[in-house]
N, C-alpha and C. Protein backbone atom coordinates (compact mmCIF):
# COMPACT_ATOMS: atom_id res chain seq x y z
N MET A 1 15.81 42.99 -30.12
CA MET A 1 15.42 42.87 -28.68
C MET A 1 14.75 41.43 -28.64
N PHE A 2 15.22 40.87 -27.37
CA PHE A 2 14.91 39.69 -26.89
C PHE A 2 13.46 39.66 -26.14
N SER A 3 12.91 38.70 -26.31
CA SER A 3 11.54 38.37 -25.58
C SER A 3 11.89 37.92 -24.46
N THR A 4 11.07 38.04 -23.16
CA THR A 4 11.29 37.23 -22.18
C THR A 4 10.71 36.13 -22.03
N VAL A 5 9.58 35.88 -22.50
CA VAL A 5 8.82 34.42 -22.93
C VAL A 5 9.64 33.37 -23.25
N PRO A 6 10.65 33.53 -24.67
CA PRO A 6 11.21 32.06 -24.93
C PRO A 6 12.30 32.10 -24.07
N ILE A 7 13.25 32.92 -23.58
CA ILE A 7 14.23 32.94 -22.27
C ILE A 7 13.94 32.21 -21.24
N ARG A 8 12.94 32.37 -20.80
CA ARG A 8 11.88 31.84 -19.55
C ARG A 8 11.63 30.59 -20.19
N ARG A 9 11.11 30.08 -21.16
CA ARG A 9 11.22 28.82 -21.50
C ARG A 9 12.35 27.91 -21.74
N ALA A 10 13.43 28.64 -22.06
CA ALA A 10 14.47 27.87 -22.29
C ALA A 10 15.02 27.66 -21.02
N VAL A 11 15.07 28.60 -19.73
CA VAL A 11 15.60 28.62 -18.49
C VAL A 11 14.66 27.20 -18.00
N VAL A 12 13.59 27.22 -18.01
CA VAL A 12 12.84 26.26 -16.95
C VAL A 12 12.99 24.89 -17.71
N ALA A 13 13.13 24.82 -19.26
CA ALA A 13 13.74 23.60 -19.96
C ALA A 13 14.78 22.86 -19.80
N LEU A 14 15.93 23.94 -19.34
CA LEU A 14 17.20 23.42 -18.67
C LEU A 14 17.03 23.22 -17.32
N LEU A 15 16.45 23.89 -16.49
CA LEU A 15 16.38 23.39 -15.27
C LEU A 15 15.52 21.84 -15.06
N LEU A 16 14.71 21.87 -15.81
CA LEU A 16 13.82 20.41 -15.64
C LEU A 16 14.81 19.56 -16.16
N SER A 17 15.62 19.50 -17.47
CA SER A 17 16.52 18.34 -17.94
C SER A 17 17.57 18.23 -16.68
N CYS A 18 18.27 19.50 -16.30
CA CYS A 18 19.15 19.12 -15.13
C CYS A 18 18.37 18.32 -14.09
N ALA A 19 17.04 18.55 -13.27
CA ALA A 19 16.30 18.03 -12.53
C ALA A 19 16.40 16.61 -12.36
N LEU A 20 15.61 16.08 -13.97
CA LEU A 20 15.74 14.52 -14.64
C LEU A 20 17.07 14.22 -14.44
N LEU A 21 18.48 14.90 -15.01
CA LEU A 21 19.56 14.60 -14.93
C LEU A 21 19.88 13.65 -13.38
N ALA A 22 19.83 14.94 -12.63
CA ALA A 22 20.31 14.58 -11.25
C ALA A 22 19.25 13.53 -10.53
N GLY A 23 18.25 13.09 -10.88
CA GLY A 23 17.60 12.43 -10.22
C GLY A 23 17.55 11.23 -10.84
N ALA A 24 17.75 10.64 -12.36
CA ALA A 24 18.42 9.91 -12.59
C ALA A 24 19.44 9.05 -12.16
N THR A 25 20.40 10.05 -11.86
CA THR A 25 21.89 9.76 -11.43
C THR A 25 21.58 9.39 -9.63
N ALA A 26 21.17 9.85 -9.41
CA ALA A 26 20.41 9.63 -7.62
C ALA A 26 19.84 8.39 -7.38
N CYS A 27 19.20 7.77 -8.25
CA CYS A 27 18.56 6.70 -8.48
C CYS A 27 19.06 5.54 -9.26
N GLY A 28 20.56 5.58 -9.49
CA GLY A 28 21.54 4.86 -10.63
C GLY A 28 22.14 3.47 -9.86
N GLY A 29 21.94 3.70 -8.68
CA GLY A 29 22.26 2.55 -7.77
C GLY A 29 23.74 2.82 -7.07
N ASP A 30 24.41 2.21 -6.62
CA ASP A 30 25.94 2.14 -5.98
C ASP A 30 27.14 1.78 -7.25
N GLY A 31 26.85 1.91 -8.60
CA GLY A 31 27.79 2.06 -9.44
C GLY A 31 28.88 1.09 -9.24
N GLY A 32 28.44 0.17 -8.56
CA GLY A 32 29.51 -1.21 -8.68
C GLY A 32 29.19 -2.36 -9.23
N GLY A 33 28.00 -2.12 -10.20
CA GLY A 33 27.73 -3.12 -10.88
C GLY A 33 26.76 -4.31 -10.12
N LYS A 34 26.66 -4.42 -8.73
CA LYS A 34 26.27 -5.42 -8.25
C LYS A 34 24.76 -5.64 -8.32
N ASP A 35 23.96 -6.68 -8.21
CA ASP A 35 22.50 -6.86 -8.66
C ASP A 35 22.19 -6.50 -6.70
N THR A 36 21.21 -5.62 -6.73
CA THR A 36 20.71 -5.41 -5.19
C THR A 36 19.29 -5.78 -5.11
N ALA A 37 18.94 -6.41 -5.73
CA ALA A 37 17.64 -7.01 -5.62
C ALA A 37 17.68 -8.33 -4.20
N VAL A 38 16.47 -7.96 -3.48
CA VAL A 38 16.34 -8.68 -2.33
C VAL A 38 15.76 -10.08 -2.54
N THR A 39 16.74 -11.02 -1.82
CA THR A 39 16.51 -12.61 -1.75
C THR A 39 16.38 -13.23 -1.02
N PRO A 40 15.36 -13.97 -0.73
CA PRO A 40 15.15 -14.76 0.33
C PRO A 40 16.62 -15.42 1.29
N SER A 41 17.89 -15.36 0.51
CA SER A 41 18.99 -15.61 1.05
C SER A 41 19.59 -14.10 1.17
N GLY A 42 19.18 -13.25 0.94
CA GLY A 42 19.93 -12.00 1.07
C GLY A 42 20.70 -11.60 2.11
N THR A 43 21.64 -10.36 2.17
CA THR A 43 21.98 -10.12 3.69
C THR A 43 21.03 -9.93 4.83
N ALA A 44 21.85 -9.51 6.06
CA ALA A 44 20.89 -9.05 7.17
C ALA A 44 20.22 -7.64 6.57
N GLU A 45 21.08 -6.86 6.25
CA GLU A 45 20.51 -5.87 6.04
C GLU A 45 19.30 -5.50 4.86
N ALA A 46 19.56 -6.28 4.05
CA ALA A 46 18.56 -6.67 3.18
C ALA A 46 17.07 -7.28 3.39
N GLN A 47 17.56 -8.20 4.50
CA GLN A 47 16.18 -8.59 4.96
C GLN A 47 15.96 -7.77 6.02
N LYS A 48 16.24 -6.75 7.01
CA LYS A 48 15.90 -5.94 7.67
C LYS A 48 14.97 -4.91 6.79
N PHE A 49 15.44 -4.56 5.85
CA PHE A 49 14.83 -3.70 4.74
C PHE A 49 13.31 -4.44 4.46
N ALA A 50 13.62 -5.55 4.07
CA ALA A 50 12.37 -6.38 3.87
C ALA A 50 11.55 -6.51 4.50
N LYS A 51 11.86 -6.46 5.81
CA LYS A 51 10.68 -6.31 7.28
C LYS A 51 10.23 -4.92 7.30
N ALA A 52 11.05 -3.89 6.86
CA ALA A 52 10.20 -2.55 7.28
C ALA A 52 9.43 -2.30 6.09
N ARG A 53 9.66 -2.44 4.99
CA ARG A 53 9.02 -2.30 3.86
C ARG A 53 7.51 -3.16 4.17
N PHE A 54 8.15 -4.69 4.57
CA PHE A 54 6.95 -5.27 4.77
C PHE A 54 5.73 -4.47 5.68
N ALA A 55 6.41 -4.25 6.98
CA ALA A 55 5.50 -3.80 8.14
C ALA A 55 5.02 -2.11 7.60
N ALA A 56 5.50 -1.52 6.77
CA ALA A 56 5.31 -0.34 6.28
C ALA A 56 3.91 -0.54 5.43
N ASN A 57 4.19 -1.34 4.59
CA ASN A 57 2.88 -1.77 3.65
C ASN A 57 1.26 -2.10 4.11
N ALA A 58 2.05 -3.30 5.06
CA ALA A 58 0.63 -3.91 5.89
C ALA A 58 0.17 -2.60 6.67
N GLY A 59 1.04 -1.91 7.35
CA GLY A 59 0.63 -1.06 8.28
C GLY A 59 -0.22 -0.15 7.51
N LEU A 60 -0.20 0.34 6.44
CA LEU A 60 -1.13 1.25 5.56
C LEU A 60 -2.35 0.39 5.31
N ALA A 61 -2.10 -0.93 4.84
CA ALA A 61 -3.37 -1.38 4.38
C ALA A 61 -4.06 -1.72 5.87
N ALA A 62 -3.63 -1.83 7.01
CA ALA A 62 -4.49 -2.12 8.10
C ALA A 62 -5.08 -0.83 8.40
N GLY A 63 -4.46 0.44 8.48
CA GLY A 63 -4.89 1.38 8.56
C GLY A 63 -6.25 1.84 7.57
N ALA A 64 -6.04 1.79 6.66
CA ALA A 64 -6.99 1.95 5.73
C ALA A 64 -8.20 1.21 5.69
N THR A 65 -8.09 -0.04 5.71
CA THR A 65 -9.08 -1.05 6.40
C THR A 65 -9.84 -0.44 7.40
N TYR A 66 -9.07 -0.33 8.59
CA TYR A 66 -9.96 0.40 9.91
C TYR A 66 -10.56 1.53 9.44
N GLN A 67 -9.73 2.37 9.05
CA GLN A 67 -10.66 4.24 8.75
C GLN A 67 -11.21 4.02 7.90
N TRP A 68 -11.37 3.43 6.98
CA TRP A 68 -12.27 3.76 5.81
C TRP A 68 -13.60 2.57 5.48
N ILE A 69 -13.20 1.33 6.01
CA ILE A 69 -14.10 0.06 5.83
C ILE A 69 -14.89 -0.33 7.16
N VAL A 70 -13.79 -0.61 8.23
CA VAL A 70 -14.61 -1.28 9.55
C VAL A 70 -15.14 -0.33 10.40
N LYS A 71 -14.89 0.87 10.35
CA LYS A 71 -14.95 1.87 11.64
C LYS A 71 -16.82 2.49 10.56
N PRO A 72 -16.43 3.06 9.58
CA PRO A 72 -17.51 3.21 9.03
C PRO A 72 -18.76 2.33 8.87
N TYR A 73 -18.50 0.98 8.78
CA TYR A 73 -19.37 -0.04 8.66
C TYR A 73 -20.16 -0.37 10.08
N ARG A 74 -19.31 -0.21 11.17
CA ARG A 74 -19.87 -0.54 12.58
C ARG A 74 -20.65 0.66 13.09
N GLU A 75 -20.30 2.02 12.36
CA GLU A 75 -21.19 3.14 12.54
C GLU A 75 -22.45 2.99 11.75
N GLY A 76 -22.95 2.31 10.87
CA GLY A 76 -23.59 2.07 10.20
C GLY A 76 -24.07 2.98 8.85
N LYS A 77 -22.76 3.48 8.62
CA LYS A 77 -22.78 4.58 7.19
C LYS A 77 -22.78 3.95 6.27
N PHE A 78 -22.97 2.33 5.91
CA PHE A 78 -23.02 2.15 4.74
C PHE A 78 -24.42 1.46 4.66
N LYS A 79 -25.58 1.48 5.55
CA LYS A 79 -27.09 1.46 5.46
C LYS A 79 -27.34 2.17 4.57
N LYS A 80 -28.48 1.89 3.87
CA LYS A 80 -29.55 2.57 3.03
C LYS A 80 -30.10 3.79 3.67
N GLY A 81 -30.02 4.63 3.31
CA GLY A 81 -30.54 5.65 4.03
C GLY A 81 -29.67 6.84 4.88
N ALA A 82 -28.56 6.23 5.35
CA ALA A 82 -27.66 6.68 6.13
C ALA A 82 -26.99 7.97 5.51
N GLU A 83 -26.98 8.93 6.11
CA GLU A 83 -26.32 10.56 5.79
C GLU A 83 -24.90 10.00 5.69
N GLY A 84 -24.48 10.57 4.56
CA GLY A 84 -22.97 10.29 3.71
C GLY A 84 -22.71 8.98 3.52
N ARG A 85 -23.68 8.57 3.14
CA ARG A 85 -23.22 6.89 2.48
C ARG A 85 -22.62 6.99 1.15
N ARG A 86 -23.10 7.47 0.37
CA ARG A 86 -22.48 7.63 -0.93
C ARG A 86 -20.84 7.95 -0.69
N VAL A 87 -20.60 8.90 -0.09
CA VAL A 87 -19.15 9.15 0.41
C VAL A 87 -18.40 8.12 1.25
N ALA A 88 -18.92 7.59 2.14
CA ALA A 88 -18.51 6.48 2.96
C ALA A 88 -18.34 5.68 2.13
N LEU A 89 -19.07 5.06 1.02
CA LEU A 89 -18.94 3.55 0.16
C LEU A 89 -17.88 4.41 -1.00
N VAL A 90 -17.87 5.36 -1.23
CA VAL A 90 -16.87 5.47 -2.34
C VAL A 90 -15.13 5.40 -1.59
N LYS A 91 -15.11 5.99 -0.62
CA LYS A 91 -14.13 5.82 0.36
C LYS A 91 -13.70 4.37 0.48
N ALA A 92 -14.74 3.49 1.07
CA ALA A 92 -14.48 2.34 1.38
C ALA A 92 -13.96 1.72 0.22
N GLY A 93 -14.65 2.02 -0.99
CA GLY A 93 -14.28 1.01 -2.29
C GLY A 93 -12.79 1.62 -2.44
N LEU A 94 -12.04 2.75 -2.53
CA LEU A 94 -10.94 2.91 -2.47
C LEU A 94 -10.03 2.38 -1.83
N ALA A 95 -10.40 2.48 -0.58
CA ALA A 95 -9.78 1.81 0.60
C ALA A 95 -9.54 0.55 0.50
N GLY A 96 -10.41 -0.41 -0.05
CA GLY A 96 -10.70 -1.87 -0.35
C GLY A 96 -9.47 -2.11 -1.36
N ALA A 97 -9.59 -1.05 -2.81
CA ALA A 97 -8.56 -1.35 -3.27
C ALA A 97 -7.47 -0.83 -2.96
N PHE A 98 -6.97 -0.25 -2.40
CA PHE A 98 -5.63 0.53 -1.53
C PHE A 98 -5.42 -0.78 -0.84
N THR A 99 -6.03 -1.24 0.05
CA THR A 99 -5.77 -1.95 0.67
C THR A 99 -5.33 -3.76 0.14
N TYR A 100 -5.69 -4.01 -0.63
CA TYR A 100 -5.34 -5.02 -1.91
C TYR A 100 -4.26 -4.61 -2.35
N ASN A 101 -3.88 -3.82 -2.66
CA ASN A 101 -2.70 -3.08 -3.92
C ASN A 101 -1.36 -3.35 -2.46
N ARG A 102 -1.49 -2.52 -1.59
CA ARG A 102 -0.76 -2.73 -0.16
C ARG A 102 0.00 -3.90 0.26
N LEU A 103 -1.12 -4.56 0.27
CA LEU A 103 -1.00 -6.30 1.01
C LEU A 103 -0.67 -7.07 0.09
N LYS A 104 -0.39 -6.77 -1.39
CA LYS A 104 0.42 -7.36 -2.42
C LYS A 104 1.62 -6.92 -2.32
N ALA A 105 2.03 -5.45 -2.36
CA ALA A 105 3.01 -5.31 -2.05
C ALA A 105 3.69 -5.51 -0.77
N ALA A 106 3.11 -6.19 0.34
CA ALA A 106 3.71 -6.44 1.43
C ALA A 106 4.22 -8.02 1.45
N VAL A 107 3.38 -8.40 0.81
CA VAL A 107 3.99 -10.01 0.48
C VAL A 107 5.11 -10.12 -0.58
N LYS A 108 5.27 -9.18 -1.90
CA LYS A 108 6.33 -8.96 -2.31
C LYS A 108 7.52 -8.60 -1.24
N ASN A 109 7.40 -8.02 -0.70
CA ASN A 109 8.27 -7.45 0.44
C ASN A 109 8.91 -8.69 1.23
N ALA A 110 8.11 -9.42 1.56
CA ALA A 110 8.14 -10.40 2.33
C ALA A 110 9.30 -11.38 2.07
N LYS A 111 9.24 -11.44 0.61
CA LYS A 111 9.97 -12.53 -0.12
C LYS A 111 11.39 -12.47 0.22
N GLY A 112 11.70 -10.93 0.71
CA GLY A 112 13.39 -10.68 1.04
C GLY A 112 13.64 -11.21 2.34
N ASP A 113 13.07 -11.88 3.15
CA ASP A 113 13.11 -12.34 4.62
C ASP A 113 12.61 -13.94 4.43
N PRO A 114 13.49 -14.94 4.88
CA PRO A 114 13.27 -16.38 4.66
C PRO A 114 12.21 -16.58 5.85
N LEU A 115 12.21 -16.02 7.06
CA LEU A 115 11.38 -16.33 8.05
C LEU A 115 9.65 -15.68 7.69
N LEU A 116 10.16 -14.24 7.01
CA LEU A 116 8.67 -13.57 6.81
C LEU A 116 8.29 -14.01 5.83
N SER A 117 8.89 -14.76 4.51
CA SER A 117 8.25 -14.92 3.57
C SER A 117 7.25 -16.54 3.84
N LYS A 118 7.96 -17.47 4.86
CA LYS A 118 7.19 -18.45 5.35
C LYS A 118 5.91 -18.14 6.11
N ALA A 119 5.82 -17.00 6.77
CA ALA A 119 4.79 -16.94 7.74
C ALA A 119 3.38 -16.08 7.06
N VAL A 120 3.80 -15.49 5.95
CA VAL A 120 3.04 -14.76 4.84
C VAL A 120 2.63 -15.55 3.77
N ALA A 121 3.28 -16.65 3.53
CA ALA A 121 2.47 -17.46 2.31
C ALA A 121 1.41 -18.18 2.25
N PRO A 122 1.19 -18.45 3.44
CA PRO A 122 -0.50 -19.10 3.73
C PRO A 122 -1.65 -17.93 3.37
N LEU A 123 -1.14 -16.82 3.41
CA LEU A 123 -2.46 -15.79 3.65
C LEU A 123 -2.34 -15.28 2.31
N THR A 124 -1.72 -15.92 1.32
CA THR A 124 -2.10 -15.01 -0.19
C THR A 124 -3.43 -15.67 -0.96
N ALA A 125 -4.01 -16.50 -0.72
CA ALA A 125 -5.23 -16.74 -0.89
C ALA A 125 -6.40 -15.66 -0.40
N GLY A 126 -6.22 -15.41 0.91
CA GLY A 126 -7.01 -14.47 1.59
C GLY A 126 -6.73 -12.96 1.02
N ILE A 127 -5.37 -12.83 0.52
CA ILE A 127 -5.36 -11.36 0.26
C ILE A 127 -5.72 -11.11 -1.41
N ASN A 128 -5.78 -12.54 -2.07
CA ASN A 128 -6.30 -12.27 -3.28
C ASN A 128 -7.82 -12.20 -3.34
N SER A 129 -8.36 -12.81 -2.24
CA SER A 129 -9.89 -12.86 -2.12
C SER A 129 -10.42 -11.02 -1.94
N LEU A 130 -9.73 -10.32 -1.76
CA LEU A 130 -10.04 -9.10 -1.42
C LEU A 130 -9.91 -8.07 -2.72
N GLU A 131 -9.38 -8.86 -4.01
CA GLU A 131 -9.42 -8.20 -4.97
C GLU A 131 -10.91 -7.45 -5.61
N GLU A 132 -11.88 -8.21 -5.46
CA GLU A 132 -13.14 -7.69 -5.56
C GLU A 132 -14.00 -7.01 -5.16
N LEU A 133 -13.27 -6.92 -3.71
CA LEU A 133 -14.57 -7.00 -2.65
C LEU A 133 -14.26 -5.33 -2.27
N GLY A 134 -13.15 -4.16 -3.13
CA GLY A 134 -13.43 -2.89 -3.19
C GLY A 134 -14.42 -2.33 -4.08
N ALA A 135 -14.96 -3.09 -4.93
CA ALA A 135 -15.59 -2.79 -6.08
C ALA A 135 -17.27 -3.10 -5.39
N LYS A 136 -17.06 -4.18 -4.52
CA LYS A 136 -18.24 -4.54 -3.89
C LYS A 136 -18.63 -3.48 -2.87
N LEU A 137 -17.44 -3.07 -2.31
CA LEU A 137 -17.95 -2.01 -1.21
C LEU A 137 -18.30 -0.48 -1.95
N ARG A 138 -17.96 -0.31 -2.58
CA ARG A 138 -18.22 0.68 -3.62
C ARG A 138 -19.39 1.14 -4.22
N ARG A 139 -19.98 -0.32 -4.56
CA ARG A 139 -21.44 -0.48 -5.16
C ARG A 139 -22.16 -0.34 -4.26
N GLY A 140 -21.86 -0.56 -2.68
CA GLY A 140 -22.67 -0.37 -1.74
C GLY A 140 -23.65 -1.93 -1.60
N ASP A 141 -22.66 -3.08 -2.36
CA ASP A 141 -23.20 -4.51 -1.83
C ASP A 141 -22.42 -5.34 -0.75
N ALA A 142 -21.60 -4.80 -0.13
CA ALA A 142 -20.76 -5.48 0.63
C ALA A 142 -21.55 -5.81 2.07
N SER A 143 -21.59 -7.00 2.38
CA SER A 143 -21.85 -7.51 3.53
C SER A 143 -21.23 -7.72 4.84
N ASP A 144 -21.97 -8.22 6.10
CA ASP A 144 -21.11 -8.38 7.37
C ASP A 144 -19.89 -9.38 7.05
N ALA A 145 -20.28 -10.04 6.12
CA ALA A 145 -19.15 -11.25 5.75
C ALA A 145 -17.96 -10.94 4.94
N ASP A 146 -18.32 -9.59 4.18
CA ASP A 146 -17.20 -9.15 3.26
C ASP A 146 -16.20 -8.08 4.28
N VAL A 147 -17.33 -7.55 4.98
CA VAL A 147 -16.08 -6.70 5.92
C VAL A 147 -15.62 -7.44 6.93
N ALA A 148 -15.94 -8.44 7.34
CA ALA A 148 -15.30 -9.47 8.24
C ALA A 148 -13.80 -10.13 7.48
N VAL A 149 -13.97 -10.35 6.27
CA VAL A 149 -12.96 -11.02 5.51
C VAL A 149 -11.62 -9.77 5.48
N PHE A 150 -11.98 -8.65 5.29
CA PHE A 150 -10.94 -7.64 5.40
C PHE A 150 -10.33 -7.79 6.90
N GLU A 151 -11.29 -7.74 8.05
CA GLU A 151 -10.74 -7.75 9.05
C GLU A 151 -9.90 -8.99 9.28
N SER A 152 -10.24 -10.27 8.95
CA SER A 152 -9.60 -11.35 9.01
C SER A 152 -8.41 -11.21 8.50
N VAL A 153 -8.16 -10.72 7.27
CA VAL A 153 -6.90 -10.64 6.32
C VAL A 153 -6.14 -9.91 7.03
N ILE A 154 -6.17 -8.82 7.66
CA ILE A 154 -5.41 -8.05 7.98
C ILE A 154 -5.11 -8.37 9.38
N GLY A 155 -6.09 -8.70 10.30
CA GLY A 155 -5.35 -9.66 11.30
C GLY A 155 -4.22 -10.58 11.24
N ASP A 156 -4.63 -11.80 10.32
CA ASP A 156 -3.92 -12.68 9.87
C ASP A 156 -2.19 -12.31 9.42
N VAL A 157 -2.24 -10.97 8.50
CA VAL A 157 -1.17 -10.40 8.19
C VAL A 157 -0.55 -9.93 9.58
N LYS A 158 -1.39 -9.09 10.17
CA LYS A 158 -0.47 -8.97 11.24
C LYS A 158 0.10 -9.93 12.41
N ASP A 159 -0.45 -10.53 12.48
CA ASP A 159 0.06 -11.68 13.05
C ASP A 159 1.42 -12.65 12.84
N ALA A 160 0.92 -13.03 11.42
CA ALA A 160 2.45 -13.33 10.41
C ALA A 160 3.55 -12.44 10.52
N GLY A 161 3.19 -10.97 10.60
CA GLY A 161 4.43 -10.32 10.52
C GLY A 161 5.14 -10.27 11.90
N LYS A 162 4.16 -9.99 13.11
CA LYS A 162 4.81 -10.28 14.53
C LYS A 162 5.57 -11.75 14.87
N SER A 163 4.89 -12.87 14.18
CA SER A 163 5.61 -14.21 14.50
C SER A 163 7.02 -13.97 13.91
N ALA A 164 7.10 -13.07 12.68
CA ALA A 164 8.61 -13.32 12.23
C ALA A 164 9.42 -12.14 12.39
N GLY A 165 8.85 -11.17 13.58
CA GLY A 165 9.90 -10.07 14.02
C GLY A 165 9.96 -8.57 13.20
N ALA A 166 8.32 -8.72 12.57
CA ALA A 166 8.06 -7.61 11.62
C ALA A 166 6.60 -6.81 12.23
N GLU A 167 6.56 -6.40 13.21
CA GLU A 167 5.51 -5.89 14.01
C GLU A 167 4.75 -4.92 12.97
N VAL A 168 3.65 -4.78 12.79
CA VAL A 168 2.66 -4.32 11.83
C VAL A 168 2.20 -2.95 12.86
N LYS A 169 2.18 -1.83 12.51
CA LYS A 169 1.30 -0.83 13.18
C LYS A 169 0.47 0.05 12.16
N GLU A 170 -0.65 0.01 12.52
CA GLU A 170 -1.90 0.76 11.64
C GLU A 170 -1.25 2.25 11.10
N LYS A 171 -1.11 2.45 10.06
CA LYS A 171 -1.25 3.72 10.00
C LYS A 171 -2.05 4.34 8.62
N VAL A 172 -2.66 5.16 9.22
CA VAL A 172 -3.96 5.66 8.22
C VAL A 172 -3.58 6.48 7.15
N PRO A 173 -3.75 5.96 5.89
CA PRO A 173 -3.36 6.81 4.69
C PRO A 173 -4.29 7.90 4.50
N SER A 174 -3.42 8.66 3.57
CA SER A 174 -4.45 10.22 3.28
C SER A 174 -5.33 9.88 2.43
N THR A 175 -6.38 10.76 2.09
CA THR A 175 -7.36 10.41 1.15
C THR A 175 -6.62 10.36 -0.32
N SER A 176 -5.79 11.35 -0.05
CA SER A 176 -5.05 11.33 -1.53
C SER A 176 -4.26 10.16 -2.00
N GLN A 177 -3.56 9.41 -0.78
CA GLN A 177 -3.12 8.07 -1.08
C GLN A 177 -3.83 7.31 -1.31
N LEU A 178 -5.19 7.18 -1.01
CA LEU A 178 -6.04 6.23 -1.55
C LEU A 178 -6.47 6.17 -3.17
N GLY A 179 -6.50 7.51 -3.61
CA GLY A 179 -6.99 7.81 -4.91
C GLY A 179 -5.62 7.51 -6.03
N GLY A 180 -4.57 7.24 -5.44
CA GLY A 180 -3.31 6.81 -6.24
C GLY A 180 -2.53 8.03 -6.41
């Protein structure tokens, strides 16, 4: 008599293998052997997608910055003795790291469109300056100037996108998205 446990395991393993194979096949590209990487001289369609990806990543960065850094800071939640300070600081630290990550991705996306690439290029130094601010927020060491840097960089990215035809609209990521 067969035991149902080994059969279940075999069925689950088979299903997982099929799912992985189907996923790998679906992600395999167009099969034409063409390099589909987006370049500044890419097609109009590739440039459109570059702008859309840029706007999506920059929008998530803007939403995270406003929701978990700027807004709580203005409400005084980062001040010593404030109710919920520790949670607000942790969320702000995660939001800072998330914002930095999404802005770096947005800059990478911008390289797919010549106009957008030129508009975003001068912002790289400002975006790089955000790298350590997430940890500073998490520790509770952030100052008015640090929060202003986040606001300024996000404003500059929004303006650059708008000038290149890729309007950035804030989209607040979920807390699970912040954590990775």
